Amino acid sequence: MDVEAVKRLIKRRPNLSTALGMDFVSTPENDICKATMTVDERNRQPFGFLSGGASLALAENVAGVGSLALCPDKICVGISVSGNHVKAVAEGDTVTATARLVSKGHKLHVWDVDITDSSGGLISTVHVTNYIITPKNQTDE
């Protein structure tokens, strides 16, 4: 999935993705989107571990980037995010979020996102649903 156009959009002004240090990665698969994030002072809890909220934000954002890559002229917003955290990851490590498209409807996209640490261990698994909005200046197909 080519996410370069979405990355340019993200870099236009400050947002949660840039604030937390997310880096989105294109993949050769049309239904998979990836992102990495180094665990540091922007996204850790006071004890030095990746915040569960930051993990959910990473998952929602990588699924959103995937939906935007699939629907470049639309607005894609998360309407449901549900996750389980199964392992802690310490500051200094880098996590990778891999989002797999489960369902691509006209108005809803459903993604399953696995977040792993640098050794490949599962950190969190997250289910994301995005709502696809047609801007008012467009006609809905």
C-alpha atoms as a PDB file:
ATOM      1  CA  MET A   1       0.000   0.000   0.000  1.00  0.00           C
ATOM      2  CA  ASP A   2       1.492   3.313  -1.089  1.00  0.00           C
ATOM      3  CA  VAL A   3       1.136   5.834   1.744  1.00  0.00           C
ATOM      4  CA  GLU A   4       3.487   8.555   0.456  1.00  0.00           C
ATOM      5  CA  ALA A   5       0.674  11.006  -0.424  1.00  0.00           C
ATOM      6  CA  VAL A   6      -0.875  10.542   3.018  1.00  0.00           C
ATOM      7  CA  LYS A   7       2.520  11.128   4.660  1.00  0.00           C
ATOM      8  CA  ARG A   8       2.789  14.458   2.830  1.00  0.00           C
ATOM      9  CA  LEU A   9      -0.694  15.392   4.087  1.00  0.00           C
ATOM     10  CA  ILE A  10       0.271  14.492   7.663  1.00  0.00           C
ATOM     11  CA  LYS A  11       3.410  16.645   7.532  1.00  0.00           C
ATOM     12  CA  ARG A  12       1.456  19.801   6.577  1.00  0.00           C
ATOM     13  CA  ARG A  13       0.700  20.735  10.190  1.00  0.00           C
ATOM     14  CA  PRO A  14       1.191  19.413  13.722  1.00  0.00           C
ATOM     15  CA  ASN A  15      -0.981  16.450  14.675  1.00  0.00           C
ATOM     16  CA  LEU A  16      -1.082  13.426  16.975  1.00  0.00           C
ATOM     17  CA  SER A  17       0.925  11.226  14.596  1.00  0.00           C
ATOM     18  CA  THR A  18       3.871  13.618  14.516  1.00  0.00           C
ATOM     19  CA  ALA A  19       3.576  14.480  18.226  1.00  0.00           C
ATOM     20  CA  LEU A  20       3.916  10.815  19.236  1.00  0.00           C
ATOM     21  CA  GLY A  21       6.668  10.053  16.694  1.00  0.00           C
ATOM     22  CA  MET A  22       4.810   7.775  14.269  1.00  0.00           C
ATOM     23  CA  ASP A  23       6.467   6.959  10.942  1.00  0.00           C
ATOM     24  CA  PHE A  24       4.236   5.388   8.270  1.00  0.00           C
ATOM     25  CA  VAL A  25       5.692   2.862   5.827  1.00  0.00           C
ATOM     26  CA  SER A  26       4.494   1.818   2.366  1.00  0.00           C
ATOM     27  CA  THR A  27       4.174  -1.925   1.738  1.00  0.00           C
ATOM     28  CA  PRO A  28       3.937  -4.034  -1.432  1.00  0.00           C
ATOM     29  CA  GLU A  29       0.546  -5.433  -0.344  1.00  0.00           C
ATOM     30  CA  ASN A  30      -2.613  -3.487  -1.232  1.00  0.00           C
ATOM     31  CA  ASP A  31      -4.355  -4.356   2.042  1.00  0.00           C
ATOM     32  CA  ILE A  32      -1.536  -3.846   4.571  1.00  0.00           C
ATOM     33  CA  CYS A  33      -0.263  -0.602   6.063  1.00  0.00           C
ATOM     34  CA  LYS A  34       2.590  -0.256   8.571  1.00  0.00           C
ATOM     35  CA  ALA A  35       3.975   2.293  10.987  1.00  0.00           C
ATOM     36  CA  THR A  36       6.828   2.413  13.471  1.00  0.00           C
ATOM     37  CA  MET A  37       7.181   4.392  16.685  1.00  0.00           C
ATOM     38  CA  THR A  38      10.135   4.605  19.044  1.00  0.00           C
ATOM     39  CA  VAL A  39       9.159   4.475  22.709  1.00  0.00           C
ATOM     40  CA  ASP A  40      10.357   7.745  24.250  1.00  0.00           C
ATOM     41  CA  GLU A  41       9.218  10.669  26.410  1.00  0.00           C
ATOM     42  CA  ARG A  42       6.431  11.497  23.934  1.00  0.00           C
ATOM     43  CA  ASN A  43       4.555   8.207  24.284  1.00  0.00           C
ATOM     44  CA  ARG A  44       5.669   6.451  27.476  1.00  0.00           C
ATOM     45  CA  GLN A  45       4.041   6.275  30.865  1.00  0.00           C
ATOM     46  CA  PRO A  46       5.908   7.593  33.949  1.00  0.00           C
ATOM     47  CA  PHE A  47       7.319   4.095  34.629  1.00  0.00           C
ATOM     48  CA  GLY A  48       9.218   4.033  31.314  1.00  0.00           C
ATOM     49  CA  PHE A  49       6.921   1.717  29.349  1.00  0.00           C
ATOM     50  CA  LEU A  50       4.902   2.427  26.205  1.00  0.00           C
ATOM     51  CA  SER A  51       1.539   3.889  27.185  1.00  0.00           C
ATOM     52  CA  GLY A  52      -1.481   1.767  26.289  1.00  0.00           C
ATOM     53  CA  GLY A  53      -3.168   4.925  25.032  1.00  0.00           C
ATOM     54  CA  ALA A  54      -0.236   5.595  22.713  1.00  0.00           C
ATOM     55  CA  SER A  55      -0.542   2.030  21.393  1.00  0.00           C
ATOM     56  CA  LEU A  56      -4.222   2.571  20.635  1.00  0.00           C
ATOM     57  CA  ALA A  57      -3.412   5.917  19.004  1.00  0.00           C
ATOM     58  CA  LEU A  58      -0.769   4.222  16.847  1.00  0.00           C
ATOM     59  CA  ALA A  59      -3.254   1.548  15.787  1.00  0.00           C
ATOM     60  CA  GLU A  60      -6.027   4.029  14.987  1.00  0.00           C
ATOM     61  CA  ASN A  61      -3.637   6.254  13.045  1.00  0.00           C
ATOM     62  CA  VAL A  62      -2.083   3.472  10.960  1.00  0.00           C
ATOM     63  CA  ALA A  63      -5.575   2.191  10.072  1.00  0.00           C
ATOM     64  CA  GLY A  64      -6.582   5.761   9.216  1.00  0.00           C
ATOM     65  CA  VAL A  65      -3.566   6.182   6.953  1.00  0.00           C
ATOM     66  CA  GLY A  66      -4.521   2.921   5.253  1.00  0.00           C
ATOM     67  CA  SER A  67      -8.094   4.079   4.690  1.00  0.00           C
ATOM     68  CA  LEU A  68      -6.871   7.438   3.339  1.00  0.00           C
ATOM     69  CA  ALA A  69      -4.494   5.651   0.956  1.00  0.00           C
ATOM     70  CA  LEU A  70      -7.441   3.589  -0.328  1.00  0.00           C
ATOM     71  CA  CYS A  71      -9.779   6.618  -0.546  1.00  0.00           C
ATOM     72  CA  PRO A  72      -7.567   9.652  -1.232  1.00  0.00           C
ATOM     73  CA  ASP A  73     -10.408  12.117  -1.878  1.00  0.00           C
ATOM     74  CA  LYS A  74     -12.391  11.162   1.231  1.00  0.00           C
ATOM     75  CA  ILE A  75     -12.215  11.936   4.931  1.00  0.00           C
ATOM     76  CA  CYS A  76     -11.554   8.860   7.058  1.00  0.00           C
ATOM     77  CA  VAL A  77     -12.251   8.903  10.788  1.00  0.00           C
ATOM     78  CA  GLY A  78     -12.043   6.212  13.439  1.00  0.00           C
ATOM     79  CA  ILE A  79     -15.394   5.369  15.003  1.00  0.00           C
ATOM     80  CA  SER A  80     -14.413   2.296  17.023  1.00  0.00           C
ATOM     81  CA  VAL A  81     -11.078   1.249  18.516  1.00  0.00           C
ATOM     82  CA  SER A  82     -10.798  -1.793  20.760  1.00  0.00           C
ATOM     83  CA  GLY A  83      -7.571  -3.362  21.889  1.00  0.00           C
ATOM     84  CA  ASN A  84      -5.779  -5.711  24.199  1.00  0.00           C
ATOM     85  CA  HIS A  85      -2.294  -5.091  25.549  1.00  0.00           C
ATOM     86  CA  VAL A  86      -0.441  -8.344  26.166  1.00  0.00           C
ATOM     87  CA  LYS A  87       3.134  -7.282  26.878  1.00  0.00           C
ATOM     88  CA  ALA A  88       5.005  -4.190  28.055  1.00  0.00           C
ATOM     89  CA  VAL A  89       7.700  -2.550  25.958  1.00  0.00           C
ATOM     90  CA  ALA A  90      10.388  -0.380  27.527  1.00  0.00           C
ATOM     91  CA  GLU A  91      11.570   3.068  26.551  1.00  0.00           C
ATOM     92  CA  GLY A  92      14.194   2.934  23.810  1.00  0.00           C
ATOM     93  CA  ASP A  93      12.586   0.071  21.888  1.00  0.00           C
ATOM     94  CA  THR A  94      10.761   0.585  18.601  1.00  0.00           C
ATOM     95  CA  VAL A  95       7.324  -0.879  17.960  1.00  0.00           C
ATOM     96  CA  THR A  96       5.825  -1.725  14.580  1.00  0.00           C
ATOM     97  CA  ALA A  97       2.093  -1.593  13.870  1.00  0.00           C
ATOM     98  CA  THR A  98       0.865  -3.771  11.008  1.00  0.00           C
ATOM     99  CA  ALA A  99      -2.700  -3.015   9.908  1.00  0.00           C
ATOM    100  CA  ARG A 100      -4.530  -5.607   7.804  1.00  0.00           C
ATOM    101  CA  LEU A 101      -7.718  -4.620   6.010  1.00  0.00           C
ATOM    102  CA  VAL A 102     -10.528  -6.966   7.045  1.00  0.00           C
ATOM    103  CA  SER A 103     -13.407  -5.305   5.189  1.00  0.00           C
ATOM    104  CA  LYS A 104     -13.514  -2.458   2.673  1.00  0.00           C
ATOM    105  CA  GLY A 105     -17.055  -1.195   2.337  1.00  0.00           C
ATOM    106  CA  HIS A 106     -18.302   1.998   0.748  1.00  0.00           C
ATOM    107  CA  LYS A 107     -18.745   3.732   4.122  1.00  0.00           C
ATOM    108  CA  LEU A 108     -16.842   1.516   6.587  1.00  0.00           C
ATOM    109  CA  HIS A 109     -13.340   0.035   6.644  1.00  0.00           C
ATOM    110  CA  VAL A 110     -12.450  -2.547   9.283  1.00  0.00           C
ATOM    111  CA  TRP A 111      -8.794  -3.164  10.223  1.00  0.00           C
ATOM    112  CA  ASP A 112      -6.972  -5.582  12.526  1.00  0.00           C
ATOM    113  CA  VAL A 113      -3.728  -4.110  13.830  1.00  0.00           C
ATOM    114  CA  ASP A 114      -0.928  -6.045  15.542  1.00  0.00           C
ATOM    115  CA  ILE A 115       1.741  -4.066  17.356  1.00  0.00           C
ATOM    116  CA  THR A 116       5.061  -5.834  17.907  1.00  0.00           C
ATOM    117  CA  ASP A 117       8.330  -4.940  19.607  1.00  0.00           C
ATOM    118  CA  SER A 118      11.734  -4.940  17.888  1.00  0.00           C
ATOM    119  CA  SER A 119      12.151  -8.675  18.506  1.00  0.00           C
ATOM    120  CA  GLY A 120       8.758  -9.478  16.943  1.00  0.00           C
ATOM    121  CA  GLY A 121       6.930 -10.111  20.216  1.00  0.00           C
ATOM    122  CA  LEU A 122       3.243  -9.182  20.234  1.00  0.00           C
ATOM    123  CA  ILE A 123       2.563  -6.061  22.331  1.00  0.00           C
ATOM    124  CA  SER A 124      -1.045  -5.233  21.462  1.00  0.00           C
ATOM    125  CA  THR A 125      -3.772  -6.367  19.135  1.00  0.00           C
ATOM    126  CA  VAL A 126      -6.318  -3.749  18.088  1.00  0.00           C
ATOM    127  CA  HIS A 127      -9.529  -3.755  16.028  1.00  0.00           C
ATOM    128  CA  VAL A 128     -10.304  -0.438  14.267  1.00  0.00           C
ATOM    129  CA  THR A 129     -13.380   0.653  12.316  1.00  0.00           C
ATOM    130  CA  ASN A 130     -13.133   3.759  10.133  1.00  0.00           C
ATOM    131  CA  TYR A 131     -16.045   5.749   8.749  1.00  0.00           C
ATOM    132  CA  ILE A 132     -15.502   7.067   5.207  1.00  0.00           C
ATOM    133  CA  ILE A 133     -16.948  10.520   4.597  1.00  0.00           C
ATOM    134  CA  THR A 134     -17.467  12.185   1.232  1.00  0.00           C
ATOM    135  CA  PRO A 135     -16.625  15.896   1.518  1.00  0.00           C
ATOM    136  CA  LYS A 136     -19.548  18.228   0.827  1.00  0.00           C
ATOM    137  CA  ASN A 137     -17.941  19.497  -2.390  1.00  0.00           C
ATOM    138  CA  GLN A 138     -18.052  15.951  -3.869  1.00  0.00           C
ATOM    139  CA  THR A 139     -20.887  13.732  -4.917  1.00  0.00           C
ATOM    140  CA  ASP A 140     -21.165  10.391  -3.185  1.00  0.00           C
ATOM    141  CA  GLU A 141     -20.501   7.498  -5.542  1.00  0.00           C
END
